Amino acid sequence: MHLQPQQQNGISYVTGGIGQDESRAIQQVQGYNLQLTFSSGSQNKYVPDVDLMIQGVQGQILLRLNQVGPMVQVKLPPGKYNLIASRNGEQQVGAVNVVPGQTEKVNLHWTQEN
């Protein structure tokens, strides 16, 4: 299985992870320095229906993705970023500092299982 890299505003990303094959495939993708996973409920179930926004520290929107997940891998220049993810009207917010040579992993979790 090959996941298709995509680009927006010059930023490469790949999204997927539905089912075991795709989940394994996206975890083996190389060259991305930010790995996001989306989950919900007490069982930490992966959720695929997330709207994601990645902002620079000045608030500029670098990436705006609709209905992605449960995993998203992004290739970002080093720096600090704000993450805003929403599903079913409920927002989760995170922040990440991308450091050269490292892969940052962030899980955004919703308590509701809907």
PDB file of N, CA and C in Angstrom:
ATOM      1  N   MET A   1       0.848  -1.190   0.000  1.00  0.00           N
ATOM      2  CA  MET A   1       0.000   0.000   0.000  1.00  0.00           C
ATOM      3  C   MET A   1       0.885   1.241   0.000  1.00  0.00           C
ATOM      4  N   HIS A   2       0.568   2.174  -0.861  1.00  0.00           N
ATOM      5  CA  HIS A   2       1.355   3.401  -0.964  1.00  0.00           C
ATOM      6  C   HIS A   2       0.455   4.587  -0.674  1.00  0.00           C
ATOM      7  N   LEU A   3       0.828   5.359   0.318  1.00  0.00           N
ATOM      8  CA  LEU A   3       0.053   6.553   0.657  1.00  0.00           C
ATOM      9  C   LEU A   3       0.594   7.721  -0.158  1.00  0.00           C
ATOM     10  N   GLN A   4      -0.293   8.492  -0.715  1.00  0.00           N
ATOM     11  CA  GLN A   4       0.085   9.563  -1.623  1.00  0.00           C
ATOM     12  C   GLN A   4       0.445  10.835  -0.859  1.00  0.00           C
ATOM     13  N   PRO A   5       1.715  11.279  -0.914  1.00  0.00           N
ATOM     14  CA  PRO A   5       2.055  12.559  -0.284  1.00  0.00           C
ATOM     15  C   PRO A   5       1.323  13.697  -1.004  1.00  0.00           C
ATOM     16  N   GLN A   6       0.916  14.686  -0.229  1.00  0.00           N
ATOM     17  CA  GLN A   6       0.224  15.835  -0.794  1.00  0.00           C
ATOM     18  C   GLN A   6       0.927  17.096  -0.325  1.00  0.00           C
ATOM     19  N   GLN A   7       0.606  18.213  -0.946  1.00  0.00           N
ATOM     20  CA  GLN A   7       1.218  19.482  -0.559  1.00  0.00           C
ATOM     21  C   GLN A   7       0.170  20.575  -0.455  1.00  0.00           C
ATOM     22  N   GLN A   8       0.415  21.482   0.507  1.00  0.00           N
ATOM     23  CA  GLN A   8      -0.410  22.682   0.628  1.00  0.00           C
ATOM     24  C   GLN A   8       0.513  23.788   1.117  1.00  0.00           C
ATOM     25  N   ASN A   9       0.510  24.912   0.444  1.00  0.00           N
ATOM     26  CA  ASN A   9       1.400  26.030   0.806  1.00  0.00           C
ATOM     27  C   ASN A   9       2.858  25.591   0.895  1.00  0.00           C
ATOM     28  N   GLY A  10       3.258  24.657   0.042  1.00  0.00           N
ATOM     29  CA  GLY A  10       4.643  24.207   0.045  1.00  0.00           C
ATOM     30  C   GLY A  10       4.988  23.236   1.163  1.00  0.00           C
ATOM     31  N   ILE A  11       3.992  22.815   1.932  1.00  0.00           N
ATOM     32  CA  ILE A  11       4.217  21.889   3.056  1.00  0.00           C
ATOM     33  C   ILE A  11       3.718  20.511   2.648  1.00  0.00           C
ATOM     34  N   SER A  12       4.611  19.522   2.760  1.00  0.00           N
ATOM     35  CA  SER A  12       4.236  18.151   2.406  1.00  0.00           C
ATOM     36  C   SER A  12       3.570  17.472   3.585  1.00  0.00           C
ATOM     37  N   TYR A  13       2.565  16.654   3.272  1.00  0.00           N
ATOM     38  CA  TYR A  13       1.914  15.884   4.332  1.00  0.00           C
ATOM     39  C   TYR A  13       1.339  14.612   3.736  1.00  0.00           C
ATOM     40  N   VAL A  14       1.082  13.660   4.616  1.00  0.00           N
ATOM     41  CA  VAL A  14       0.409  12.430   4.225  1.00  0.00           C
ATOM     42  C   VAL A  14      -0.584  12.109   5.338  1.00  0.00           C
ATOM     43  N   THR A  15      -1.754  11.644   4.962  1.00  0.00           N
ATOM     44  CA  THR A  15      -2.771  11.338   5.962  1.00  0.00           C
ATOM     45  C   THR A  15      -3.393   9.987   5.669  1.00  0.00           C
ATOM     46  N   GLY A  16      -3.847   9.335   6.705  1.00  0.00           N
ATOM     47  CA  GLY A  16      -4.470   8.027   6.551  1.00  0.00           C
ATOM     48  C   GLY A  16      -4.419   7.261   7.856  1.00  0.00           C
ATOM     49  N   GLY A  17      -4.289   5.955   7.736  1.00  0.00           N
ATOM     50  CA  GLY A  17      -4.194   5.121   8.928  1.00  0.00           C
ATOM     51  C   GLY A  17      -5.466   4.371   9.257  1.00  0.00           C
ATOM     52  N   ILE A  18      -6.401   4.325   8.292  1.00  0.00           N
ATOM     53  CA  ILE A  18      -7.633   3.570   8.536  1.00  0.00           C
ATOM     54  C   ILE A  18      -7.360   2.111   8.188  1.00  0.00           C
ATOM     55  N   GLY A  19      -7.610   1.233   9.130  1.00  0.00           N
ATOM     56  CA  GLY A  19      -7.333  -0.186   8.909  1.00  0.00           C
ATOM     57  C   GLY A  19      -5.873  -0.508   9.180  1.00  0.00           C
ATOM     58  N   GLN A  20      -5.585  -1.770   9.436  1.00  0.00           N
ATOM     59  CA  GLN A  20      -4.236  -2.162   9.840  1.00  0.00           C
ATOM     60  C   GLN A  20      -3.194  -1.934   8.759  1.00  0.00           C
ATOM     61  N   ASP A  21      -3.515  -2.251   7.504  1.00  0.00           N
ATOM     62  CA  ASP A  21      -2.536  -2.092   6.430  1.00  0.00           C
ATOM     63  C   ASP A  21      -2.122  -0.638   6.276  1.00  0.00           C
ATOM     64  N   GLU A  22      -3.119   0.237   6.221  1.00  0.00           N
ATOM     65  CA  GLU A  22      -2.836   1.653   6.040  1.00  0.00           C
ATOM     66  C   GLU A  22      -2.134   2.218   7.271  1.00  0.00           C
ATOM     67  N   SER A  23      -2.535   1.739   8.444  1.00  0.00           N
ATOM     68  CA  SER A  23      -1.915   2.182   9.685  1.00  0.00           C
ATOM     69  C   SER A  23      -0.424   1.831   9.690  1.00  0.00           C
ATOM     70  N   ARG A  24      -0.108   0.607   9.293  1.00  0.00           N
ATOM     71  CA  ARG A  24       1.292   0.185   9.228  1.00  0.00           C
ATOM     72  C   ARG A  24       2.045   0.992   8.178  1.00  0.00           C
ATOM     73  N   ALA A  25       1.415   1.215   7.032  1.00  0.00           N
ATOM     74  CA  ALA A  25       2.055   1.933   5.929  1.00  0.00           C
ATOM     75  C   ALA A  25       2.407   3.365   6.333  1.00  0.00           C
ATOM     76  N   ILE A  26       1.489   4.057   6.996  1.00  0.00           N
ATOM     77  CA  ILE A  26       1.759   5.459   7.339  1.00  0.00           C
ATOM     78  C   ILE A  26       2.831   5.560   8.424  1.00  0.00           C
ATOM     79  N   GLN A  27       2.928   4.560   9.276  1.00  0.00           N
ATOM     80  CA  GLN A  27       3.953   4.592  10.315  1.00  0.00           C
ATOM     81  C   GLN A  27       5.346   4.366   9.742  1.00  0.00           C
ATOM     82  N   GLN A  28       5.417   3.818   8.536  1.00  0.00           N
ATOM     83  CA  GLN A  28       6.716   3.563   7.916  1.00  0.00           C
ATOM     84  C   GLN A  28       7.142   4.664   6.957  1.00  0.00           C
ATOM     85  N   VAL A  29       6.301   5.666   6.762  1.00  0.00           N
ATOM     86  CA  VAL A  29       6.636   6.769   5.870  1.00  0.00           C
ATOM     87  C   VAL A  29       7.814   7.538   6.472  1.00  0.00           C
ATOM     88  N   GLN A  30       8.797   7.824   5.650  1.00  0.00           N
ATOM     89  CA  GLN A  30      10.012   8.503   6.115  1.00  0.00           C
ATOM     90  C   GLN A  30      10.008   9.977   5.711  1.00  0.00           C
ATOM     91  N   GLY A  31      10.765  10.786   6.437  1.00  0.00           N
ATOM     92  CA  GLY A  31      11.024  12.156   6.014  1.00  0.00           C
ATOM     93  C   GLY A  31      10.082  13.204   6.580  1.00  0.00           C
ATOM     94  N   TYR A  32       9.129  12.797   7.421  1.00  0.00           N
ATOM     95  CA  TYR A  32       8.212  13.767   8.015  1.00  0.00           C
ATOM     96  C   TYR A  32       8.618  13.972   9.467  1.00  0.00           C
ATOM     97  N   ASN A  33       8.582  15.220   9.939  1.00  0.00           N
ATOM     98  CA  ASN A  33       9.095  15.494  11.288  1.00  0.00           C
ATOM     99  C   ASN A  33       7.996  15.804  12.304  1.00  0.00           C
ATOM    100  N   LEU A  34       6.741  15.682  11.898  1.00  0.00           N
ATOM    101  CA  LEU A  34       5.641  15.833  12.845  1.00  0.00           C
ATOM    102  C   LEU A  34       4.634  14.723  12.592  1.00  0.00           C
ATOM    103  N   GLN A  35       4.395  13.915  13.616  1.00  0.00           N
ATOM    104  CA  GLN A  35       3.421  12.826  13.519  1.00  0.00           C
ATOM    105  C   GLN A  35       2.259  13.131  14.452  1.00  0.00           C
ATOM    106  N   LEU A  36       1.081  13.268  13.869  1.00  0.00           N
ATOM    107  CA  LEU A  36      -0.124  13.546  14.651  1.00  0.00           C
ATOM    108  C   LEU A  36      -1.027  12.321  14.626  1.00  0.00           C
ATOM    109  N   THR A  37      -1.605  12.005  15.771  1.00  0.00           N
ATOM    110  CA  THR A  37      -2.644  10.980  15.813  1.00  0.00           C
ATOM    111  C   THR A  37      -3.852  11.560  16.532  1.00  0.00           C
ATOM    112  N   PHE A  38      -5.033  11.132  16.114  1.00  0.00           N
ATOM    113  CA  PHE A  38      -6.285  11.612  16.689  1.00  0.00           C
ATOM    114  C   PHE A  38      -7.021  10.425  17.292  1.00  0.00           C
ATOM    115  N   SER A  39      -7.469  10.591  18.534  1.00  0.00           N
ATOM    116  CA  SER A  39      -8.180   9.497  19.195  1.00  0.00           C
ATOM    117  C   SER A  39      -9.322  10.056  20.032  1.00  0.00           C
ATOM    118  N   SER A  40     -10.226   9.138  20.435  1.00  0.00           N
ATOM    119  CA  SER A  40     -11.345   9.587  21.266  1.00  0.00           C
ATOM    120  C   SER A  40     -11.739   8.501  22.252  1.00  0.00           C
ATOM    121  N   GLY A  41     -12.377   8.960  23.321  1.00  0.00           N
ATOM    122  CA  GLY A  41     -12.989   8.056  24.289  1.00  0.00           C
ATOM    123  C   GLY A  41     -12.001   7.336  25.185  1.00  0.00           C
ATOM    124  N   SER A  42     -12.544   6.580  26.114  1.00  0.00           N
ATOM    125  CA  SER A  42     -11.720   5.878  27.096  1.00  0.00           C
ATOM    126  C   SER A  42     -10.919   4.746  26.458  1.00  0.00           C
ATOM    127  N   GLN A  43     -11.351   4.288  25.279  1.00  0.00           N
ATOM    128  CA  GLN A  43     -10.632   3.211  24.587  1.00  0.00           C
ATOM    129  C   GLN A  43      -9.520   3.748  23.681  1.00  0.00           C
ATOM    130  N   ASN A  44      -9.379   5.073  23.611  1.00  0.00           N
ATOM    131  CA  ASN A  44      -8.402   5.693  22.705  1.00  0.00           C
ATOM    132  C   ASN A  44      -8.565   5.209  21.267  1.00  0.00           C
ATOM    133  N   LYS A  45      -9.798   5.162  20.807  1.00  0.00           N
ATOM    134  CA  LYS A  45     -10.048   4.723  19.427  1.00  0.00           C
ATOM    135  C   LYS A  45      -9.552   5.786  18.464  1.00  0.00           C
ATOM    136  N   TYR A  46      -8.887   5.339  17.423  1.00  0.00           N
ATOM    137  CA  TYR A  46      -8.462   6.267  16.373  1.00  0.00           C
ATOM    138  C   TYR A  46      -9.686   6.843  15.674  1.00  0.00           C
ATOM    139  N   VAL A  47      -9.655   8.141  15.374  1.00  0.00           N
ATOM    140  CA  VAL A  47     -10.764   8.780  14.671  1.00  0.00           C
ATOM    141  C   VAL A  47     -10.261   9.428  13.383  1.00  0.00           C
ATOM    142  N   PRO A  48     -11.005   9.227  12.276  1.00  0.00           N
ATOM    143  CA  PRO A  48     -10.547   9.677  10.969  1.00  0.00           C
ATOM    144  C   PRO A  48     -11.196  10.960  10.462  1.00  0.00           C
ATOM    145  N   ASP A  49     -12.071  11.571  11.248  1.00  0.00           N
ATOM    146  CA  ASP A  49     -12.900  12.664  10.718  1.00  0.00           C
ATOM    147  C   ASP A  49     -12.559  13.990  11.381  1.00  0.00           C
ATOM    148  N   VAL A  50     -11.291  14.369  11.295  1.00  0.00           N
ATOM    149  CA  VAL A  50     -10.808  15.546  12.021  1.00  0.00           C
ATOM    150  C   VAL A  50     -10.462  16.671  11.035  1.00  0.00           C
ATOM    151  N   ASP A  51     -10.856  17.882  11.388  1.00  0.00           N
ATOM    152  CA  ASP A  51     -10.413  19.068  10.652  1.00  0.00           C
ATOM    153  C   ASP A  51      -9.199  19.620  11.394  1.00  0.00           C
ATOM    154  N   LEU A  52      -8.109  19.796  10.673  1.00  0.00           N
ATOM    155  CA  LEU A  52      -6.840  20.179  11.296  1.00  0.00           C
ATOM    156  C   LEU A  52      -6.340  21.490  10.719  1.00  0.00           C
ATOM    157  N   MET A  53      -5.837  22.335  11.615  1.00  0.00           N
ATOM    158  CA  MET A  53      -5.185  23.564  11.206  1.00  0.00           C
ATOM    159  C   MET A  53      -3.841  23.643  11.920  1.00  0.00           C
ATOM    160  N   ILE A  54      -2.796  23.942  11.168  1.00  0.00           N
ATOM    161  CA  ILE A  54      -1.482  24.180  11.762  1.00  0.00           C
ATOM    162  C   ILE A  54      -1.140  25.635  11.511  1.00  0.00           C
ATOM    163  N   GLN A  55      -0.839  26.346  12.604  1.00  0.00           N
ATOM    164  CA  GLN A  55      -0.537  27.779  12.520  1.00  0.00           C
ATOM    165  C   GLN A  55       0.890  28.029  12.967  1.00  0.00           C
ATOM    166  N   GLY A  56       1.504  29.025  12.338  1.00  0.00           N
ATOM    167  CA  GLY A  56       2.773  29.533  12.836  1.00  0.00           C
ATOM    168  C   GLY A  56       2.522  30.372  14.078  1.00  0.00           C
ATOM    169  N   VAL A  57       3.597  30.762  14.754  1.00  0.00           N
ATOM    170  CA  VAL A  57       3.424  31.501  16.017  1.00  0.00           C
ATOM    171  C   VAL A  57       2.768  32.866  15.818  1.00  0.00           C
ATOM    172  N   GLN A  58       2.866  33.420  14.619  1.00  0.00           N
ATOM    173  CA  GLN A  58       2.200  34.705  14.357  1.00  0.00           C
ATOM    174  C   GLN A  58       0.709  34.515  14.076  1.00  0.00           C
ATOM    175  N   GLY A  59       0.247  33.273  14.071  1.00  0.00           N
ATOM    176  CA  GLY A  59      -1.161  33.007  13.805  1.00  0.00           C
ATOM    177  C   GLY A  59      -1.469  32.730  12.346  1.00  0.00           C
ATOM    178  N   GLN A  60      -0.438  32.774  11.493  1.00  0.00           N
ATOM    179  CA  GLN A  60      -0.693  32.508  10.072  1.00  0.00           C
ATOM    180  C   GLN A  60      -0.988  31.019   9.871  1.00  0.00           C
ATOM    181  N   ILE A  61      -1.973  30.739   9.031  1.00  0.00           N
ATOM    182  CA  ILE A  61      -2.366  29.351   8.787  1.00  0.00           C
ATOM    183  C   ILE A  61      -1.460  28.766   7.708  1.00  0.00           C
ATOM    184  N   LEU A  62      -0.734  27.715   8.079  1.00  0.00           N
ATOM    185  CA  LEU A  62       0.182  27.070   7.148  1.00  0.00           C
ATOM    186  C   LEU A  62      -0.464  25.884   6.461  1.00  0.00           C
ATOM    187  N   LEU A  63      -1.341  25.213   7.200  1.00  0.00           N
ATOM    188  CA  LEU A  63      -1.961  24.007   6.662  1.00  0.00           C
ATOM    189  C   LEU A  63      -3.385  23.940   7.198  1.00  0.00           C
ATOM    190  N   ARG A  64      -4.326  23.707   6.295  1.00  0.00           N
ATOM    191  CA  ARG A  64      -5.732  23.552   6.703  1.00  0.00           C
ATOM    192  C   ARG A  64      -6.262  22.317   5.986  1.00  0.00           C
ATOM    193  N   LEU A  65      -6.539  21.269   6.767  1.00  0.00           N
ATOM    194  CA  LEU A  65      -6.979  19.999   6.199  1.00  0.00           C
ATOM    195  C   LEU A  65      -8.349  19.648   6.750  1.00  0.00           C
ATOM    196  N   ASN A  66      -9.203  19.128   5.890  1.00  0.00           N
ATOM    197  CA  ASN A  66     -10.557  18.745   6.305  1.00  0.00           C
ATOM    198  C   ASN A  66     -10.726  17.234   6.267  1.00  0.00           C
ATOM    199  N   GLN A  67     -11.352  16.704   7.331  1.00  0.00           N
ATOM    200  CA  GLN A  67     -11.712  15.289   7.388  1.00  0.00           C
ATOM    201  C   GLN A  67     -10.494  14.392   7.149  1.00  0.00           C
ATOM    202  N   VAL A  68      -9.466  14.598   7.974  1.00  0.00           N
ATOM    203  CA  VAL A  68      -8.251  13.786   7.863  1.00  0.00           C
ATOM    204  C   VAL A  68      -8.078  12.919   9.105  1.00  0.00           C
ATOM    205  N   GLY A  69      -7.077  12.063   9.065  1.00  0.00           N
ATOM    206  CA  GLY A  69      -6.757  11.218  10.198  1.00  0.00           C
ATOM    207  C   GLY A  69      -7.050   9.768   9.872  1.00  0.00           C
ATOM    208  N   PRO A  70      -6.883   8.930  10.861  1.00  0.00           N
ATOM    209  CA  PRO A  70      -6.496   9.211  12.244  1.00  0.00           C
ATOM    210  C   PRO A  70      -5.029   9.564  12.420  1.00  0.00           C
ATOM    211  N   MET A  71      -4.230   9.464  11.354  1.00  0.00           N
ATOM    212  CA  MET A  71      -2.828   9.856  11.455  1.00  0.00           C
ATOM    213  C   MET A  71      -2.516  10.860  10.355  1.00  0.00           C
ATOM    214  N   VAL A  72      -1.713  11.849  10.713  1.00  0.00           N
ATOM    215  CA  VAL A  72      -1.231  12.814   9.737  1.00  0.00           C
ATOM    216  C   VAL A  72       0.258  13.002   9.998  1.00  0.00           C
ATOM    217  N   GLN A  73       1.041  12.919   8.942  1.00  0.00           N
ATOM    218  CA  GLN A  73       2.468  13.206   9.062  1.00  0.00           C
ATOM    219  C   GLN A  73       2.751  14.436   8.212  1.00  0.00           C
ATOM    220  N   VAL A  74       3.519  15.359   8.787  1.00  0.00           N
ATOM    221  CA  VAL A  74       3.768  16.641   8.141  1.00  0.00           C
ATOM    222  C   VAL A  74       5.264  16.914   8.140  1.00  0.00           C
ATOM    223  N   LYS A  75       5.725  17.564   7.087  1.00  0.00           N
ATOM    224  CA  LYS A  75       7.119  17.982   6.985  1.00  0.00           C
ATOM    225  C   LYS A  75       7.144  19.497   7.149  1.00  0.00           C
ATOM    226  N   LEU A  76       7.632  19.963   8.304  1.00  0.00           N
ATOM    227  CA  LEU A  76       7.632  21.393   8.624  1.00  0.00           C
ATOM    228  C   LEU A  76       9.055  21.901   8.820  1.00  0.00           C
ATOM    229  N   PRO A  77       9.289  23.165   8.499  1.00  0.00           N
ATOM    230  CA  PRO A  77      10.577  23.751   8.859  1.00  0.00           C
ATOM    231  C   PRO A  77      10.693  23.818  10.383  1.00  0.00           C
ATOM    232  N   PRO A  78      11.905  23.796  10.937  1.00  0.00           N
ATOM    233  CA  PRO A  78      12.052  23.920  12.392  1.00  0.00           C
ATOM    234  C   PRO A  78      11.354  25.180  12.901  1.00  0.00           C
ATOM    235  N   GLY A  79      10.751  25.056  14.075  1.00  0.00           N
ATOM    236  CA  GLY A  79      10.063  26.202  14.670  1.00  0.00           C
ATOM    237  C   GLY A  79       8.914  25.752  15.545  1.00  0.00           C
ATOM    238  N   LYS A  80       8.205  26.743  16.089  1.00  0.00           N
ATOM    239  CA  LYS A  80       7.065  26.474  16.965  1.00  0.00           C
ATOM    240  C   LYS A  80       5.764  26.622  16.175  1.00  0.00           C
ATOM    241  N   TYR A  81       4.838  25.722  16.458  1.00  0.00           N
ATOM    242  CA  TYR A  81       3.566  25.709  15.743  1.00  0.00           C
ATOM    243  C   TYR A  81       2.420  25.456  16.712  1.00  0.00           C
ATOM    244  N   ASN A  82       1.266  26.001  16.371  1.00  0.00           N
ATOM    245  CA  ASN A  82       0.045  25.709  17.114  1.00  0.00           C
ATOM    246  C   ASN A  82      -0.804  24.755  16.286  1.00  0.00           C
ATOM    247  N   LEU A  83      -1.412  23.810  16.973  1.00  0.00           N
ATOM    248  CA  LEU A  83      -2.251  22.807  16.325  1.00  0.00           C
ATOM    249  C   LEU A  83      -3.682  22.992  16.800  1.00  0.00           C
ATOM    250  N   ILE A  84      -4.607  23.074  15.876  1.00  0.00           N
ATOM    251  CA  ILE A  84      -6.017  23.200  16.232  1.00  0.00           C
ATOM    252  C   ILE A  84      -6.768  22.119  15.458  1.00  0.00           C
ATOM    253  N   ALA A  85      -7.343  21.191  16.184  1.00  0.00           N
ATOM    254  CA  ALA A  85      -8.066  20.092  15.558  1.00  0.00           C
ATOM    255  C   ALA A  85      -9.494  20.114  16.070  1.00  0.00           C
ATOM    256  N   SER A  86     -10.448  19.908  15.169  1.00  0.00           N
ATOM    257  CA  SER A  86     -11.828  19.860  15.635  1.00  0.00           C
ATOM    258  C   SER A  86     -12.562  18.707  14.974  1.00  0.00           C
ATOM    259  N   ARG A  87     -13.448  18.123  15.767  1.00  0.00           N
ATOM    260  CA  ARG A  87     -14.341  17.084  15.239  1.00  0.00           C
ATOM    261  C   ARG A  87     -15.641  17.169  16.001  1.00  0.00           C
ATOM    262  N   ASN A  88     -16.733  17.050  15.269  1.00  0.00           N
ATOM    263  CA  ASN A  88     -18.072  17.159  15.851  1.00  0.00           C
ATOM    264  C   ASN A  88     -18.233  18.434  16.683  1.00  0.00           C
ATOM    265  N   GLY A  89     -17.617  19.518  16.226  1.00  0.00           N
ATOM    266  CA  GLY A  89     -17.761  20.795  16.908  1.00  0.00           C
ATOM    267  C   GLY A  89     -16.911  20.960  18.152  1.00  0.00           C
ATOM    268  N   GLU A  90     -16.145  19.959  18.519  1.00  0.00           N
ATOM    269  CA  GLU A  90     -15.307  20.057  19.716  1.00  0.00           C
ATOM    270  C   GLU A  90     -13.848  20.203  19.310  1.00  0.00           C
ATOM    271  N   GLN A  91     -13.195  21.208  19.898  1.00  0.00           N
ATOM    272  CA  GLN A  91     -11.826  21.529  19.504  1.00  0.00           C
ATOM    273  C   GLN A  91     -10.793  21.003  20.487  1.00  0.00           C
ATOM    274  N   GLN A  92      -9.677  20.565  19.951  1.00  0.00           N
ATOM    275  CA  GLN A  92      -8.506  20.237  20.761  1.00  0.00           C
ATOM    276  C   GLN A  92      -7.373  21.104  20.244  1.00  0.00           C
ATOM    277  N   VAL A  93      -6.602  21.631  21.170  1.00  0.00           N
ATOM    278  CA  VAL A  93      -5.523  22.539  20.802  1.00  0.00           C
ATOM    279  C   VAL A  93      -4.224  21.988  21.347  1.00  0.00           C
ATOM    280  N   GLY A  94      -3.182  22.113  20.563  1.00  0.00           N
ATOM    281  CA  GLY A  94      -1.867  21.668  21.012  1.00  0.00           C
ATOM    282  C   GLY A  94      -0.811  22.604  20.457  1.00  0.00           C
ATOM    283  N   ALA A  95       0.411  22.427  20.923  1.00  0.00           N
ATOM    284  CA  ALA A  95       1.534  23.204  20.415  1.00  0.00           C
ATOM    285  C   ALA A  95       2.705  22.254  20.264  1.00  0.00           C
ATOM    286  N   VAL A  96       3.558  22.564  19.313  1.00  0.00           N
ATOM    287  CA  VAL A  96       4.702  21.691  19.082  1.00  0.00           C
ATOM    288  C   VAL A  96       5.894  22.545  18.673  1.00  0.00           C
ATOM    289  N   ASN A  97       7.067  22.110  19.089  1.00  0.00           N
ATOM    290  CA  ASN A  97       8.316  22.753  18.700  1.00  0.00           C
ATOM    291  C   ASN A  97       9.087  21.759  17.847  1.00  0.00           C
ATOM    292  N   VAL A  98       9.192  22.043  16.558  1.00  0.00           N
ATOM    293  CA  VAL A  98       9.881  21.143  15.642  1.00  0.00           C
ATOM    294  C   VAL A  98      11.376  21.471  15.665  1.00  0.00           C
ATOM    295  N   VAL A  99      12.166  20.461  16.035  1.00  0.00           N
ATOM    296  CA  VAL A  99      13.615  20.613  16.194  1.00  0.00           C
ATOM    297  C   VAL A  99      14.302  19.859  15.051  1.00  0.00           C
ATOM    298  N   PRO A 100      15.348  20.437  14.450  1.00  0.00           N
ATOM    299  CA  PRO A 100      16.036  19.740  13.357  1.00  0.00           C
ATOM    300  C   PRO A 100      16.507  18.343  13.780  1.00  0.00           C
ATOM    301  N   GLY A 101      16.291  17.384  12.898  1.00  0.00           N
ATOM    302  CA  GLY A 101      16.784  16.026  13.143  1.00  0.00           C
ATOM    303  C   GLY A 101      15.921  15.190  14.070  1.00  0.00           C
ATOM    304  N   GLN A 102      14.796  15.721  14.520  1.00  0.00           N
ATOM    305  CA  GLN A 102      13.926  14.965  15.422  1.00  0.00           C
ATOM    306  C   GLN A 102      12.523  14.872  14.831  1.00  0.00           C
ATOM    307  N   THR A 103      11.808  13.837  15.256  1.00  0.00           N
ATOM    308  CA  THR A 103      10.407  13.694  14.882  1.00  0.00           C
ATOM    309  C   THR A 103       9.557  13.932  16.117  1.00  0.00           C
ATOM    310  N   GLU A 104       8.677  14.902  16.036  1.00  0.00           N
ATOM    311  CA  GLU A 104       7.778  15.207  17.148  1.00  0.00           C
ATOM    312  C   GLU A 104       6.503  14.408  16.976  1.00  0.00           C
ATOM    313  N   LYS A 105       6.016  13.857  18.086  1.00  0.00           N
ATOM    314  CA  LYS A 105       4.772  13.075  18.041  1.00  0.00           C
ATOM    315  C   LYS A 105       3.749  13.724  18.956  1.00  0.00           C
ATOM    316  N   VAL A 106       2.567  13.971  18.423  1.00  0.00           N
ATOM    317  CA  VAL A 106       1.501  14.612  19.188  1.00  0.00           C
ATOM    318  C   VAL A 106       0.221  13.817  19.002  1.00  0.00           C
ATOM    319  N   ASN A 107      -0.446  13.506  20.120  1.00  0.00           N
ATOM    320  CA  ASN A 107      -1.763  12.886  20.066  1.00  0.00           C
ATOM    321  C   ASN A 107      -2.777  13.900  20.548  1.00  0.00           C
ATOM    322  N   LEU A 108      -3.799  14.130  19.752  1.00  0.00           N
ATOM    323  CA  LEU A 108      -4.908  14.986  20.169  1.00  0.00           C
ATOM    324  C   LEU A 108      -6.084  14.071  20.461  1.00  0.00           C
ATOM    325  N   HIS A 109      -6.644  14.224  21.666  1.00  0.00           N
ATOM    326  CA  HIS A 109      -7.620  13.258  22.166  1.00  0.00           C
ATOM    327  C   HIS A 109      -8.911  13.956  22.569  1.00  0.00           C
ATOM    328  N   TRP A 110     -10.018  13.381  22.109  1.00  0.00           N
ATOM    329  CA  TRP A 110     -11.345  13.862  22.496  1.00  0.00           C
ATOM    330  C   TRP A 110     -11.909  12.878  23.519  1.00  0.00           C
ATOM    331  N   THR A 111     -12.513  13.402  24.577  1.00  0.00           N
ATOM    332  CA  THR A 111     -13.072  12.512  25.593  1.00  0.00           C
ATOM    333  C   THR A 111     -14.362  11.862  25.133  1.00  0.00           C
ATOM    334  N   GLN A 112     -15.120  12.556  24.287  1.00  0.00           N
ATOM    335  CA  GLN A 112     -16.381  11.997  23.782  1.00  0.00           C
ATOM    336  C   GLN A 112     -16.127  10.939  22.734  1.00  0.00           C
ATOM    337  N   GLU A 113     -16.918   9.884  22.758  1.00  0.00           N
ATOM    338  CA  GLU A 113     -16.757   8.779  21.809  1.00  0.00           C
ATOM    339  C   GLU A 113     -17.613   8.914  20.561  1.00  0.00           C
ATOM    340  N   ASN A 114     -18.178  10.079  20.281  1.00  0.00           N
ATOM    341  CA  ASN A 114     -19.159  10.126  19.193  1.00  0.00           C
ATOM    342  C   ASN A 114     -18.511  10.162  17.824  1.00  0.00           C
TER     343      ASN A 114
END
